[in-house]
């Protein structure tokens, strides 16, 4: 029998290894966190769109500028960090 990639006494990635359950749980948690971040980013960008529209609209222009309302920037990921799969 040749050398095994798994240390002696441990199972394989098919779920027989106790650590596999922990990895699976962490993987699911990561997906959940990424989903929450995407939802927060979508909400933030929607709020920025509404805020910027208000600040730039002609009817509000006389009120927005004197009170310090300025267009805000959308959230964007840095170049190359969008997908690290």
PDB file of N, CA and C in Angstrom:
ATOM      1  N   UNK A   1       0.845  -1.180   0.000  1.00  0.00           N
ATOM      2  CA  UNK A   1       0.000   0.000   0.000  1.00  0.00           C
ATOM      3  C   UNK A   1       0.892   1.244   0.000  1.00  0.00           C
ATOM      4  N   UNK A   2       0.611   2.165  -0.902  1.00  0.00           N
ATOM      5  CA  UNK A   2       1.428   3.358  -1.050  1.00  0.00           C
ATOM      6  C   UNK A   2       1.108   4.397   0.014  1.00  0.00           C
ATOM      7  N   UNK A   3       1.857   5.486   0.000  1.00  0.00           N
ATOM      8  CA  UNK A   3       1.616   6.536   0.987  1.00  0.00           C
ATOM      9  C   UNK A   3       0.250   7.184   0.762  1.00  0.00           C
ATOM     10  N   UNK A   4      -0.371   7.609   1.836  1.00  0.00           N
ATOM     11  CA  UNK A   4      -1.688   8.242   1.789  1.00  0.00           C
ATOM     12  C   UNK A   4      -1.531   9.743   1.965  1.00  0.00           C
ATOM     13  N   UNK A   5      -2.435  10.480   1.360  1.00  0.00           N
ATOM     14  CA  UNK A   5      -2.396  11.937   1.533  1.00  0.00           C
ATOM     15  C   UNK A   5      -3.032  12.345   2.848  1.00  0.00           C
ATOM     16  N   UNK A   6      -3.714  11.396   3.521  1.00  0.00           N
ATOM     17  CA  UNK A   6      -4.355  11.677   4.796  1.00  0.00           C
ATOM     18  C   UNK A   6      -3.512  11.111   5.927  1.00  0.00           C
ATOM     19  N   UNK A   7      -3.332  11.882   6.992  1.00  0.00           N
ATOM     20  CA  UNK A   7      -2.587  11.363   8.137  1.00  0.00           C
ATOM     21  C   UNK A   7      -3.265  10.119   8.690  1.00  0.00           C
ATOM     22  N   UNK A   8      -2.483   9.243   9.268  1.00  0.00           N
ATOM     23  CA  UNK A   8      -2.994   7.996   9.811  1.00  0.00           C
ATOM     24  C   UNK A   8      -4.072   8.278  10.861  1.00  0.00           C
ATOM     25  N   UNK A   9      -5.152   7.506  10.791  1.00  0.00           N
ATOM     26  CA  UNK A   9      -6.212   7.633  11.774  1.00  0.00           C
ATOM     27  C   UNK A   9      -7.283   8.641  11.395  1.00  0.00           C
ATOM     28  N   UNK A  10      -7.149   9.290  10.248  1.00  0.00           N
ATOM     29  CA  UNK A  10      -8.166  10.254   9.826  1.00  0.00           C
ATOM     30  C   UNK A  10      -8.837   9.739   8.568  1.00  0.00           C
ATOM     31  N   UNK A  11     -10.066  10.161   8.366  1.00  0.00           N
ATOM     32  CA  UNK A  11     -10.827   9.740   7.200  1.00  0.00           C
ATOM     33  C   UNK A  11     -10.482  10.579   5.988  1.00  0.00           C
ATOM     34  N   UNK A  12     -11.379  10.578   5.052  1.00  0.00           N
ATOM     35  CA  UNK A  12     -11.158  11.318   3.812  1.00  0.00           C
ATOM     36  C   UNK A  12     -12.158  12.457   3.695  1.00  0.00           C
ATOM     37  N   UNK A  13     -12.101  13.168   2.572  1.00  0.00           N
ATOM     38  CA  UNK A  13     -12.970  14.327   2.354  1.00  0.00           C
ATOM     39  C   UNK A  13     -14.408  13.921   2.045  1.00  0.00           C
ATOM     40  N   UNK A  14     -14.726  12.631   2.113  1.00  0.00           N
ATOM     41  CA  UNK A  14     -16.097  12.207   1.823  1.00  0.00           C
ATOM     42  C   UNK A  14     -17.022  12.359   3.022  1.00  0.00           C
ATOM     43  N   UNK A  15     -16.542  12.937   4.110  1.00  0.00           N
ATOM     44  CA  UNK A  15     -17.379  13.184   5.262  1.00  0.00           C
ATOM     45  C   UNK A  15     -17.087  12.280   6.440  1.00  0.00           C
ATOM     46  N   UNK A  16     -16.164  11.341   6.305  1.00  0.00           N
ATOM     47  CA  UNK A  16     -15.855  10.459   7.420  1.00  0.00           C
ATOM     48  C   UNK A  16     -14.869  11.092   8.383  1.00  0.00           C
ATOM     49  N   UNK A  17     -14.297  12.185   8.013  1.00  0.00           N
ATOM     50  CA  UNK A  17     -13.317  12.887   8.853  1.00  0.00           C
ATOM     51  C   UNK A  17     -14.055  13.896   9.741  1.00  0.00           C
ATOM     52  N   UNK A  18     -13.811  13.904  11.041  1.00  0.00           N
ATOM     53  CA  UNK A  18     -14.509  14.865  11.911  1.00  0.00           C
ATOM     54  C   UNK A  18     -14.247  16.316  11.524  1.00  0.00           C
ATOM     55  N   UNK A  19     -13.058  16.622  11.028  1.00  0.00           N
ATOM     56  CA  UNK A  19     -12.738  17.990  10.646  1.00  0.00           C
ATOM     57  C   UNK A  19     -13.503  18.432   9.397  1.00  0.00           C
ATOM     58  N   UNK A  20     -13.979  17.481   8.604  1.00  0.00           N
ATOM     59  CA  UNK A  20     -14.727  17.814   7.388  1.00  0.00           C
ATOM     60  C   UNK A  20     -16.007  18.566   7.742  1.00  0.00           C
ATOM     61  N   UNK A  21     -16.668  18.157   8.821  1.00  0.00           N
ATOM     62  CA  UNK A  21     -17.890  18.851   9.239  1.00  0.00           C
ATOM     63  C   UNK A  21     -17.606  20.296   9.602  1.00  0.00           C
ATOM     64  N   UNK A  22     -16.499  20.550  10.264  1.00  0.00           N
ATOM     65  CA  UNK A  22     -16.113  21.912  10.622  1.00  0.00           C
ATOM     66  C   UNK A  22     -15.829  22.734   9.370  1.00  0.00           C
ATOM     67  N   UNK A  23     -15.108  22.136   8.426  1.00  0.00           N
ATOM     68  CA  UNK A  23     -14.806  22.833   7.173  1.00  0.00           C
ATOM     69  C   UNK A  23     -16.087  23.141   6.419  1.00  0.00           C
ATOM     70  N   UNK A  24     -16.990  22.194   6.364  1.00  0.00           N
ATOM     71  CA  UNK A  24     -18.256  22.393   5.655  1.00  0.00           C
ATOM     72  C   UNK A  24     -19.051  23.527   6.315  1.00  0.00           C
ATOM     73  N   UNK A  25     -19.072  23.535   7.650  1.00  0.00           N
ATOM     74  CA  UNK A  25     -19.782  24.591   8.371  1.00  0.00           C
ATOM     75  C   UNK A  25     -19.156  25.956   8.085  1.00  0.00           C
ATOM     76  N   UNK A  26     -17.833  26.039   8.133  1.00  0.00           N
ATOM     77  CA  UNK A  26     -17.151  27.304   7.852  1.00  0.00           C
ATOM     78  C   UNK A  26     -17.398  27.757   6.421  1.00  0.00           C
ATOM     79  N   UNK A  27     -17.426  26.821   5.506  1.00  0.00           N
ATOM     80  CA  UNK A  27     -17.691  27.147   4.105  1.00  0.00           C
ATOM     81  C   UNK A  27     -19.093  27.725   3.950  1.00  0.00           C
ATOM     82  N   UNK A  28     -20.063  27.129   4.632  1.00  0.00           N
ATOM     83  CA  UNK A  28     -21.437  27.639   4.576  1.00  0.00           C
ATOM     84  C   UNK A  28     -21.537  29.025   5.216  1.00  0.00           C
ATOM     85  N   UNK A  29     -20.811  29.222   6.308  1.00  0.00           N
ATOM     86  CA  UNK A  29     -20.797  30.537   6.962  1.00  0.00           C
ATOM     87  C   UNK A  29     -20.197  31.598   6.045  1.00  0.00           C
ATOM     88  N   UNK A  30     -19.153  31.237   5.308  1.00  0.00           N
ATOM     89  CA  UNK A  30     -18.526  32.164   4.374  1.00  0.00           C
ATOM     90  C   UNK A  30     -19.511  32.586   3.292  1.00  0.00           C
ATOM     91  N   UNK A  31     -20.270  31.644   2.771  1.00  0.00           N
ATOM     92  CA  UNK A  31     -21.282  31.959   1.758  1.00  0.00           C
ATOM     93  C   UNK A  31     -22.322  32.912   2.342  1.00  0.00           C
ATOM     94  N   UNK A  32     -22.726  32.662   3.581  1.00  0.00           N
ATOM     95  CA  UNK A  32     -23.710  33.530   4.236  1.00  0.00           C
ATOM     96  C   UNK A  32     -23.168  34.946   4.405  1.00  0.00           C
ATOM     97  N   UNK A  33     -21.926  35.063   4.835  1.00  0.00           N
ATOM     98  CA  UNK A  33     -21.304  36.384   5.013  1.00  0.00           C
ATOM     99  C   UNK A  33     -21.212  37.103   3.671  1.00  0.00           C
ATOM    100  N   UNK A  34     -20.813  36.388   2.620  1.00  0.00           N
ATOM    101  CA  UNK A  34     -20.713  37.007   1.298  1.00  0.00           C
ATOM    102  C   UNK A  34     -22.082  37.473   0.815  1.00  0.00           C
ATOM    103  N   UNK A  35     -23.132  36.712   1.097  1.00  0.00           N
ATOM    104  CA  UNK A  35     -24.487  37.123   0.718  1.00  0.00           C
ATOM    105  C   UNK A  35     -24.905  38.387   1.468  1.00  0.00           C
ATOM    106  N   UNK A  36     -24.573  38.454   2.760  1.00  0.00           N
ATOM    107  CA  UNK A  36     -24.900  39.651   3.544  1.00  0.00           C
ATOM    108  C   UNK A  36     -24.134  40.869   3.033  1.00  0.00           C
ATOM    109  N   UNK A  37     -22.877  40.681   2.671  1.00  0.00           N
ATOM    110  CA  UNK A  37     -22.081  41.790   2.126  1.00  0.00           C
ATOM    111  C   UNK A  37     -22.665  42.280   0.802  1.00  0.00           C
ATOM    112  N   UNK A  38     -23.076  41.353  -0.049  1.00  0.00           N
ATOM    113  CA  UNK A  38     -23.670  41.739  -1.331  1.00  0.00           C
ATOM    114  C   UNK A  38     -24.956  42.525  -1.110  1.00  0.00           C
ATOM    115  N   UNK A  39     -25.777  42.084  -0.152  1.00  0.00           N
ATOM    116  CA  UNK A  39     -27.021  42.793   0.143  1.00  0.00           C
ATOM    117  C   UNK A  39     -26.734  44.187   0.712  1.00  0.00           C
ATOM    118  N   UNK A  40     -25.746  44.288   1.593  1.00  0.00           N
ATOM    119  CA  UNK A  40     -25.393  45.591   2.167  1.00  0.00           C
ATOM    120  C   UNK A  40     -24.857  46.524   1.099  1.00  0.00           C
ATOM    121  N   UNK A  41     -24.034  45.993   0.193  1.00  0.00           N
ATOM    122  CA  UNK A  41     -23.478  46.804  -0.895  1.00  0.00           C
ATOM    123  C   UNK A  41     -24.606  47.295  -1.799  1.00  0.00           C
ATOM    124  N   UNK A  42     -25.580  46.431  -2.080  1.00  0.00           N
ATOM    125  CA  UNK A  42     -26.712  46.815  -2.927  1.00  0.00           C
ATOM    126  C   UNK A  42     -27.539  47.911  -2.243  1.00  0.00           C
ATOM    127  N   UNK A  43     -27.780  47.760  -0.944  1.00  0.00           N
ATOM    128  CA  UNK A  43     -28.534  48.767  -0.195  1.00  0.00           C
ATOM    129  C   UNK A  43     -27.784  50.094  -0.174  1.00  0.00           C
ATOM    130  N   UNK A  44     -26.478  50.035   0.104  1.00  0.00           N
ATOM    131  CA  UNK A  44     -25.665  51.253   0.156  1.00  0.00           C
ATOM    132  C   UNK A  44     -25.688  51.970  -1.190  1.00  0.00           C
ATOM    133  N   UNK A  45     -25.464  51.222  -2.273  1.00  0.00           N
ATOM    134  CA  UNK A  45     -25.443  51.847  -3.597  1.00  0.00           C
ATOM    135  C   UNK A  45     -26.805  52.424  -3.965  1.00  0.00           C
ATOM    136  N   UNK A  46     -27.892  51.785  -3.540  1.00  0.00           N
ATOM    137  CA  UNK A  46     -29.223  52.343  -3.764  1.00  0.00           C
ATOM    138  C   UNK A  46     -29.417  53.643  -3.000  1.00  0.00           C
ATOM    139  N   UNK A  47     -28.929  53.668  -1.764  1.00  0.00           N
ATOM    140  CA  UNK A  47     -29.020  54.886  -0.958  1.00  0.00           C
ATOM    141  C   UNK A  47     -28.193  56.015  -1.565  1.00  0.00           C
ATOM    142  N   UNK A  48     -27.008  55.685  -2.074  1.00  0.00           N
ATOM    143  CA  UNK A  48     -26.162  56.687  -2.725  1.00  0.00           C
ATOM    144  C   UNK A  48     -26.850  57.229  -3.968  1.00  0.00           C
ATOM    145  N   UNK A  49     -27.506  56.350  -4.725  1.00  0.00           N
ATOM    146  CA  UNK A  49     -28.213  56.794  -5.934  1.00  0.00           C
ATOM    147  C   UNK A  49     -29.314  57.788  -5.567  1.00  0.00           C
ATOM    148  N   UNK A  50     -30.097  57.468  -4.543  1.00  0.00           N
ATOM    149  CA  UNK A  50     -31.179  58.362  -4.109  1.00  0.00           C
ATOM    150  C   UNK A  50     -30.605  59.685  -3.597  1.00  0.00           C
ATOM    151  N   UNK A  51     -29.572  59.594  -2.770  1.00  0.00           N
ATOM    152  CA  UNK A  51     -28.930  60.789  -2.214  1.00  0.00           C
ATOM    153  C   UNK A  51     -28.363  61.670  -3.322  1.00  0.00           C
ATOM    154  N   UNK A  52     -27.663  61.068  -4.274  1.00  0.00           N
ATOM    155  CA  UNK A  52     -27.048  61.834  -5.360  1.00  0.00           C
ATOM    156  C   UNK A  52     -28.103  62.467  -6.250  1.00  0.00           C
ATOM    157  N   UNK A  53     -29.185  61.738  -6.508  1.00  0.00           N
ATOM    158  CA  UNK A  53     -30.272  62.293  -7.311  1.00  0.00           C
ATOM    159  C   UNK A  53     -30.864  63.511  -6.618  1.00  0.00           C
ATOM    160  N   UNK A  54     -31.054  63.406  -5.312  1.00  0.00           N
ATOM    161  CA  UNK A  54     -31.571  64.540  -4.541  1.00  0.00           C
ATOM    162  C   UNK A  54     -30.625  65.738  -4.626  1.00  0.00           C
ATOM    163  N   UNK A  55     -29.335  65.471  -4.433  1.00  0.00           N
ATOM    164  CA  UNK A  55     -28.350  66.560  -4.410  1.00  0.00           C
ATOM    165  C   UNK A  55     -28.204  67.221  -5.778  1.00  0.00           C
ATOM    166  N   UNK A  56     -28.468  66.492  -6.848  1.00  0.00           N
ATOM    167  CA  UNK A  56     -28.265  67.031  -8.193  1.00  0.00           C
ATOM    168  C   UNK A  56     -29.555  67.532  -8.849  1.00  0.00           C
ATOM    169  N   UNK A  57     -30.691  67.260  -8.258  1.00  0.00           N
ATOM    170  CA  UNK A  57     -31.946  67.648  -8.907  1.00  0.00           C
ATOM    171  C   UNK A  57     -32.112  69.170  -8.913  1.00  0.00           C
ATOM    172  N   UNK A  58     -32.717  69.664  -9.951  1.00  0.00           N
ATOM    173  CA  UNK A  58     -32.871  71.112 -10.121  1.00  0.00           C
ATOM    174  C   UNK A  58     -33.743  71.715  -9.028  1.00  0.00           C
ATOM    175  N   UNK A  59     -34.840  71.021  -8.686  1.00  0.00           N
ATOM    176  CA  UNK A  59     -35.747  71.581  -7.678  1.00  0.00           C
ATOM    177  C   UNK A  59     -35.107  71.624  -6.293  1.00  0.00           C
ATOM    178  N   UNK A  60     -34.168  70.740  -6.001  1.00  0.00           N
ATOM    179  CA  UNK A  60     -33.507  70.719  -4.703  1.00  0.00           C
ATOM    180  C   UNK A  60     -32.143  71.421  -4.732  1.00  0.00           C
ATOM    181  N   UNK A  61     -31.708  71.832  -5.918  1.00  0.00           N
ATOM    182  CA  UNK A  61     -30.375  72.409  -6.073  1.00  0.00           C
ATOM    183  C   UNK A  61     -30.160  73.620  -5.160  1.00  0.00           C
ATOM    184  N   UNK A  62     -31.180  74.416  -5.010  1.00  0.00           N
ATOM    185  CA  UNK A  62     -31.049  75.607  -4.175  1.00  0.00           C
ATOM    186  C   UNK A  62     -30.929  75.258  -2.692  1.00  0.00           C
ATOM    187  N   UNK A  63     -31.444  74.104  -2.290  1.00  0.00           N
ATOM    188  CA  UNK A  63     -31.362  73.687  -0.890  1.00  0.00           C
ATOM    189  C   UNK A  63     -30.152  72.800  -0.614  1.00  0.00           C
ATOM    190  N   UNK A  64     -29.841  71.936  -1.551  1.00  0.00           N
ATOM    191  CA  UNK A  64     -28.798  70.937  -1.320  1.00  0.00           C
ATOM    192  C   UNK A  64     -27.411  71.563  -1.194  1.00  0.00           C
ATOM    193  N   UNK A  65     -27.028  72.389  -2.145  1.00  0.00           N
ATOM    194  CA  UNK A  65     -25.676  72.972  -2.141  1.00  0.00           C
ATOM    195  C   UNK A  65     -25.391  73.830  -0.908  1.00  0.00           C
ATOM    196  N   UNK A  66     -26.271  74.766  -0.557  1.00  0.00           N
ATOM    197  CA  UNK A  66     -25.978  75.597   0.615  1.00  0.00           C
ATOM    198  C   UNK A  66     -25.866  74.804   1.926  1.00  0.00           C
ATOM    199  N   UNK A  67     -26.563  73.680   2.029  1.00  0.00           N
ATOM    200  CA  UNK A  67     -26.519  72.873   3.251  1.00  0.00           C
ATOM    201  C   UNK A  67     -25.474  71.769   3.195  1.00  0.00           C
ATOM    202  N   UNK A  68     -24.629  71.775   2.172  1.00  0.00           N
ATOM    203  CA  UNK A  68     -23.499  70.858   2.124  1.00  0.00           C
ATOM    204  C   UNK A  68     -23.772  69.501   1.502  1.00  0.00           C
ATOM    205  N   UNK A  69     -24.914  69.305   0.874  1.00  0.00           N
ATOM    206  CA  UNK A  69     -25.176  68.033   0.206  1.00  0.00           C
ATOM    207  C   UNK A  69     -24.358  67.967  -1.083  1.00  0.00           C
ATOM    208  N   UNK A  70     -23.572  66.931  -1.222  1.00  0.00           N
ATOM    209  CA  UNK A  70     -22.765  66.730  -2.421  1.00  0.00           C
ATOM    210  C   UNK A  70     -22.968  65.295  -2.899  1.00  0.00           C
ATOM    211  N   UNK A  71     -22.774  65.038  -4.176  1.00  0.00           N
ATOM    212  CA  UNK A  71     -22.904  63.661  -4.661  1.00  0.00           C
ATOM    213  C   UNK A  71     -21.918  62.737  -3.944  1.00  0.00           C
ATOM    214  N   UNK A  72     -22.359  61.535  -3.623  1.00  0.00           N
ATOM    215  CA  UNK A  72     -21.508  60.544  -2.970  1.00  0.00           C
ATOM    216  C   UNK A  72     -21.032  59.536  -4.012  1.00  0.00           C
ATOM    217  N   UNK A  73     -19.987  58.801  -3.662  1.00  0.00           N
ATOM    218  CA  UNK A  73     -19.436  57.811  -4.582  1.00  0.00           C
ATOM    219  C   UNK A  73     -20.003  56.439  -4.281  1.00  0.00           C
ATOM    220  N   UNK A  74     -20.230  55.656  -5.351  1.00  0.00           N
ATOM    221  CA  UNK A  74     -20.692  54.284  -5.204  1.00  0.00           C
ATOM    222  C   UNK A  74     -19.567  53.410  -4.676  1.00  0.00           C
ATOM    223  N   UNK A  75     -19.934  52.329  -3.992  1.00  0.00           N
ATOM    224  CA  UNK A  75     -18.950  51.358  -3.521  1.00  0.00           C
ATOM    225  C   UNK A  75     -18.536  50.488  -4.687  1.00  0.00           C
ATOM    226  N   UNK A  76     -17.238  50.362  -4.901  1.00  0.00           N
ATOM    227  CA  UNK A  76     -16.716  49.505  -5.961  1.00  0.00           C
ATOM    228  C   UNK A  76     -15.543  48.723  -5.407  1.00  0.00           C
ATOM    229  N   UNK A  77     -15.471  47.458  -5.789  1.00  0.00           N
ATOM    230  CA  UNK A  77     -14.342  46.636  -5.369  1.00  0.00           C
ATOM    231  C   UNK A  77     -13.097  47.081  -6.103  1.00  0.00           C
ATOM    232  N   UNK A  78     -11.954  46.859  -5.467  1.00  0.00           N
ATOM    233  CA  UNK A  78     -10.699  47.197  -6.101  1.00  0.00           C
ATOM    234  C   UNK A  78     -10.470  46.275  -7.295  1.00  0.00           C
ATOM    235  N   UNK A  79      -9.724  46.745  -8.259  1.00  0.00           N
ATOM    236  CA  UNK A  79      -9.400  45.970  -9.444  1.00  0.00           C
ATOM    237  C   UNK A  79      -8.754  44.639  -9.045  1.00  0.00           C
ATOM    238  N   UNK A  80      -9.274  43.537  -9.573  1.00  0.00           N
ATOM    239  CA  UNK A  80      -8.702  42.230  -9.317  1.00  0.00           C
ATOM    240  C   UNK A  80      -9.188  41.569  -8.045  1.00  0.00           C
ATOM    241  N   UNK A  81     -10.022  42.225  -7.252  1.00  0.00           N
ATOM    242  CA  UNK A  81     -10.487  41.632  -5.996  1.00  0.00           C
ATOM    243  C   UNK A  81     -11.934  41.202  -6.099  1.00  0.00           C
ATOM    244  N   UNK A  82     -12.551  41.371  -7.262  1.00  0.00           N
ATOM    245  CA  UNK A  82     -13.968  41.041  -7.393  1.00  0.00           C
ATOM    246  C   UNK A  82     -14.209  39.564  -7.254  1.00  0.00           C
ATOM    247  N   UNK A  83     -13.367  38.752  -7.835  1.00  0.00           N
ATOM    248  CA  UNK A  83     -13.573  37.319  -7.777  1.00  0.00           C
ATOM    249  C   UNK A  83     -12.261  36.635  -7.492  1.00  0.00           C
ATOM    250  N   UNK A  84     -12.173  36.051  -6.330  1.00  0.00           N
ATOM    251  CA  UNK A  84     -10.957  35.344  -5.949  1.00  0.00           C
ATOM    252  C   UNK A  84     -11.232  33.866  -5.777  1.00  0.00           C
ATOM    253  N   UNK A  85     -12.156  33.319  -6.574  1.00  0.00           N
ATOM    254  CA  UNK A  85     -12.531  31.906  -6.443  1.00  0.00           C
ATOM    255  C   UNK A  85     -11.397  31.020  -6.804  1.00  0.00           C
TER     256      UNK A  85
END
